[in-house]
N, C-alpha and C. Protein backbone atom coordinates (compact mmCIF):
# COMPACT_ATOMS: atom_id res chain seq x y z
N MET A 1 4.96 -24.13 -1.23
CA MET A 1 5.46 -23.88 -2.58
C MET A 1 6.14 -25.15 -3.10
N ALA A 2 5.89 -25.44 -4.31
CA ALA A 2 6.36 -26.68 -4.86
C ALA A 2 7.84 -26.63 -5.17
N PHE A 3 8.40 -25.50 -5.48
CA PHE A 3 9.73 -25.38 -5.89
C PHE A 3 10.76 -25.00 -4.79
N GLU A 4 10.26 -24.38 -3.84
CA GLU A 4 11.13 -23.82 -2.73
C GLU A 4 10.54 -24.23 -1.37
N LYS A 5 11.39 -24.88 -0.54
CA LYS A 5 10.98 -25.29 0.82
C LYS A 5 10.60 -24.14 1.70
N ASN A 6 11.41 -23.10 1.63
CA ASN A 6 11.22 -21.93 2.48
C ASN A 6 11.13 -20.69 1.51
N ALA A 7 9.96 -20.52 1.03
CA ALA A 7 9.62 -19.44 0.01
C ALA A 7 9.87 -18.13 0.63
N VAL A 8 9.47 -17.87 1.78
CA VAL A 8 9.55 -16.56 2.51
C VAL A 8 11.09 -16.21 2.63
N LEU A 9 11.84 -17.10 3.11
CA LEU A 9 13.27 -16.84 3.22
C LEU A 9 13.90 -16.51 1.82
N ALA A 10 13.47 -17.32 0.81
CA ALA A 10 14.00 -17.05 -0.56
C ALA A 10 13.63 -15.67 -1.06
N ALA A 11 12.38 -15.30 -0.73
CA ALA A 11 11.93 -13.97 -1.13
C ALA A 11 12.65 -12.86 -0.49
N HIS A 12 12.96 -13.02 0.84
CA HIS A 12 13.76 -11.98 1.52
C HIS A 12 15.14 -11.91 0.95
N LYS A 13 15.74 -13.00 0.59
CA LYS A 13 17.04 -13.02 -0.03
C LYS A 13 17.13 -12.24 -1.34
N LEU A 14 16.15 -12.42 -2.16
CA LEU A 14 15.97 -11.73 -3.43
C LEU A 14 15.77 -10.26 -3.19
N ILE A 15 14.93 -9.94 -2.20
CA ILE A 15 14.63 -8.43 -1.96
C ILE A 15 15.90 -7.80 -1.57
N LYS A 16 16.65 -8.46 -0.65
CA LYS A 16 17.93 -7.95 -0.21
C LYS A 16 18.94 -7.79 -1.31
N LYS A 17 19.06 -8.87 -2.18
CA LYS A 17 20.05 -8.90 -3.24
C LYS A 17 19.77 -7.77 -4.30
N TYR A 18 18.52 -7.61 -4.73
CA TYR A 18 18.27 -6.69 -5.77
C TYR A 18 17.76 -5.31 -5.21
N ASN A 19 17.60 -5.14 -3.90
CA ASN A 19 17.30 -3.95 -3.33
C ASN A 19 15.98 -3.36 -3.74
N THR A 20 14.93 -4.23 -3.96
CA THR A 20 13.63 -3.87 -4.31
C THR A 20 12.63 -4.91 -3.95
N SER A 21 11.41 -4.51 -3.64
CA SER A 21 10.35 -5.51 -3.25
C SER A 21 9.19 -5.52 -4.34
N ASP A 22 9.51 -4.80 -5.35
CA ASP A 22 8.59 -4.73 -6.40
C ASP A 22 8.63 -6.06 -7.22
N PRO A 23 7.44 -6.87 -7.29
CA PRO A 23 7.49 -8.17 -7.90
C PRO A 23 7.80 -8.10 -9.34
N TYR A 24 7.38 -7.11 -10.03
CA TYR A 24 7.69 -7.00 -11.49
C TYR A 24 9.14 -6.78 -11.70
N GLU A 25 9.74 -5.93 -10.91
CA GLU A 25 11.18 -5.61 -11.01
C GLU A 25 12.01 -6.82 -10.66
N LEU A 26 11.61 -7.56 -9.62
CA LEU A 26 12.29 -8.80 -9.22
C LEU A 26 12.19 -9.82 -10.35
N ALA A 27 11.08 -10.01 -10.96
CA ALA A 27 10.89 -10.97 -12.01
C ALA A 27 11.85 -10.60 -13.21
N LYS A 28 11.89 -9.32 -13.51
CA LYS A 28 12.76 -8.87 -14.60
C LYS A 28 14.23 -9.08 -14.30
N LYS A 29 14.63 -8.77 -13.07
CA LYS A 29 16.01 -8.92 -12.69
C LYS A 29 16.40 -10.40 -12.54
N CYS A 30 15.47 -11.27 -12.25
CA CYS A 30 15.74 -12.72 -12.14
C CYS A 30 15.57 -13.45 -13.55
N GLY A 31 15.30 -12.70 -14.57
CA GLY A 31 15.30 -13.24 -15.88
C GLY A 31 13.95 -13.91 -16.27
N TYR A 32 12.93 -13.54 -15.62
CA TYR A 32 11.56 -14.07 -15.93
C TYR A 32 10.88 -13.16 -16.99
N ILE A 33 10.10 -13.74 -17.88
CA ILE A 33 9.26 -12.96 -18.76
C ILE A 33 7.79 -13.01 -18.18
N LEU A 34 7.21 -11.85 -18.10
CA LEU A 34 5.84 -11.79 -17.61
C LEU A 34 4.88 -11.66 -18.76
N LEU A 35 3.93 -12.51 -18.79
CA LEU A 35 2.80 -12.41 -19.85
C LEU A 35 1.44 -12.38 -19.16
N TYR A 36 0.45 -11.94 -19.86
CA TYR A 36 -0.84 -11.85 -19.34
C TYR A 36 -1.74 -12.74 -20.27
N ALA A 37 -2.60 -13.56 -19.74
CA ALA A 37 -3.40 -14.41 -20.53
C ALA A 37 -4.74 -14.75 -19.74
N ASP A 38 -5.76 -15.18 -20.35
CA ASP A 38 -6.94 -15.65 -19.78
C ASP A 38 -6.75 -17.12 -19.19
N LEU A 39 -6.60 -17.23 -17.90
CA LEU A 39 -6.34 -18.56 -17.36
C LEU A 39 -7.56 -19.10 -16.73
N GLY A 40 -8.66 -18.51 -16.94
CA GLY A 40 -9.97 -19.04 -16.37
C GLY A 40 -10.21 -18.50 -15.00
N ASP A 41 -11.10 -19.11 -14.28
CA ASP A 41 -11.54 -18.56 -12.97
C ASP A 41 -10.67 -19.06 -11.84
N ILE A 42 -9.91 -20.17 -12.04
CA ILE A 42 -9.27 -20.79 -10.94
C ILE A 42 -7.84 -20.22 -10.65
N ASN A 43 -7.02 -20.13 -11.65
CA ASN A 43 -5.61 -19.82 -11.50
C ASN A 43 -5.41 -18.23 -11.53
N TYR A 44 -4.62 -17.80 -10.66
CA TYR A 44 -4.14 -16.36 -10.72
C TYR A 44 -2.91 -16.21 -11.53
N ALA A 45 -2.06 -17.30 -11.56
CA ALA A 45 -0.85 -17.25 -12.34
C ALA A 45 -0.33 -18.63 -12.51
N GLN A 46 0.59 -18.78 -13.45
CA GLN A 46 1.33 -20.09 -13.59
C GLN A 46 2.76 -19.77 -14.05
N ARG A 47 3.61 -20.68 -13.71
CA ARG A 47 4.99 -20.63 -14.00
C ARG A 47 5.33 -21.69 -15.03
N ASP A 48 6.01 -21.33 -16.05
CA ASP A 48 6.39 -22.27 -17.11
C ASP A 48 7.85 -22.14 -17.27
N TYR A 49 8.48 -23.26 -17.79
CA TYR A 49 9.86 -23.31 -18.15
C TYR A 49 9.93 -23.98 -19.44
N TYR A 50 10.30 -23.29 -20.54
CA TYR A 50 10.42 -23.91 -21.82
C TYR A 50 11.61 -23.50 -22.62
N LYS A 51 12.48 -24.42 -23.05
CA LYS A 51 13.71 -24.20 -23.67
C LYS A 51 14.53 -23.19 -22.97
N ARG A 52 14.67 -23.38 -21.70
CA ARG A 52 15.56 -22.59 -20.76
C ARG A 52 15.05 -21.14 -20.62
N ILE A 53 13.76 -20.89 -20.91
CA ILE A 53 13.19 -19.64 -20.68
C ILE A 53 12.15 -19.67 -19.56
N ASN A 54 12.29 -18.83 -18.55
CA ASN A 54 11.36 -18.81 -17.44
C ASN A 54 10.26 -17.88 -17.83
N VAL A 55 9.00 -18.31 -17.62
CA VAL A 55 7.89 -17.43 -17.96
C VAL A 55 6.89 -17.53 -16.85
N ILE A 56 6.35 -16.39 -16.42
CA ILE A 56 5.21 -16.30 -15.49
C ILE A 56 4.10 -15.61 -16.25
N THR A 57 2.97 -16.42 -16.32
CA THR A 57 1.76 -15.92 -16.97
C THR A 57 0.76 -15.60 -15.88
N LEU A 58 0.44 -14.32 -15.90
CA LEU A 58 -0.63 -13.78 -14.95
C LEU A 58 -1.96 -13.82 -15.58
N ASN A 59 -3.02 -14.10 -14.74
CA ASN A 59 -4.37 -14.24 -15.23
C ASN A 59 -4.91 -12.79 -15.56
N SER A 60 -5.28 -12.66 -16.72
CA SER A 60 -5.83 -11.30 -17.09
C SER A 60 -7.31 -11.02 -16.54
N ARG A 61 -7.89 -12.12 -16.04
CA ARG A 61 -9.26 -12.15 -15.45
C ARG A 61 -9.22 -11.92 -14.02
N SER A 62 -8.07 -11.89 -13.42
CA SER A 62 -7.97 -11.67 -11.95
C SER A 62 -8.55 -10.38 -11.49
N ASN A 63 -9.25 -10.39 -10.39
CA ASN A 63 -9.92 -9.14 -9.84
C ASN A 63 -8.93 -8.40 -8.86
N GLU A 64 -7.88 -9.12 -8.53
CA GLU A 64 -6.93 -8.49 -7.58
C GLU A 64 -6.22 -7.28 -8.27
N SER A 65 -6.06 -6.29 -7.59
CA SER A 65 -5.29 -5.14 -8.14
C SER A 65 -3.77 -5.41 -8.10
N LEU A 66 -3.09 -5.21 -9.28
CA LEU A 66 -1.74 -5.55 -9.36
C LEU A 66 -0.84 -4.31 -9.31
């Protein structure tokens, strides 16, 4: 992970702190905005930070069940 050296440990801390493992609920509680957009065939998601707003854009073309 580019932003966190130990992403698994950070994820476990968030799960324990917010008492949920639902990624959508965790994103909401951490202040992220979730959007859906066509990101092409390569990306499943991207994280953006603009004017102090954290945004996660999920690929609407992804075949993975969410």
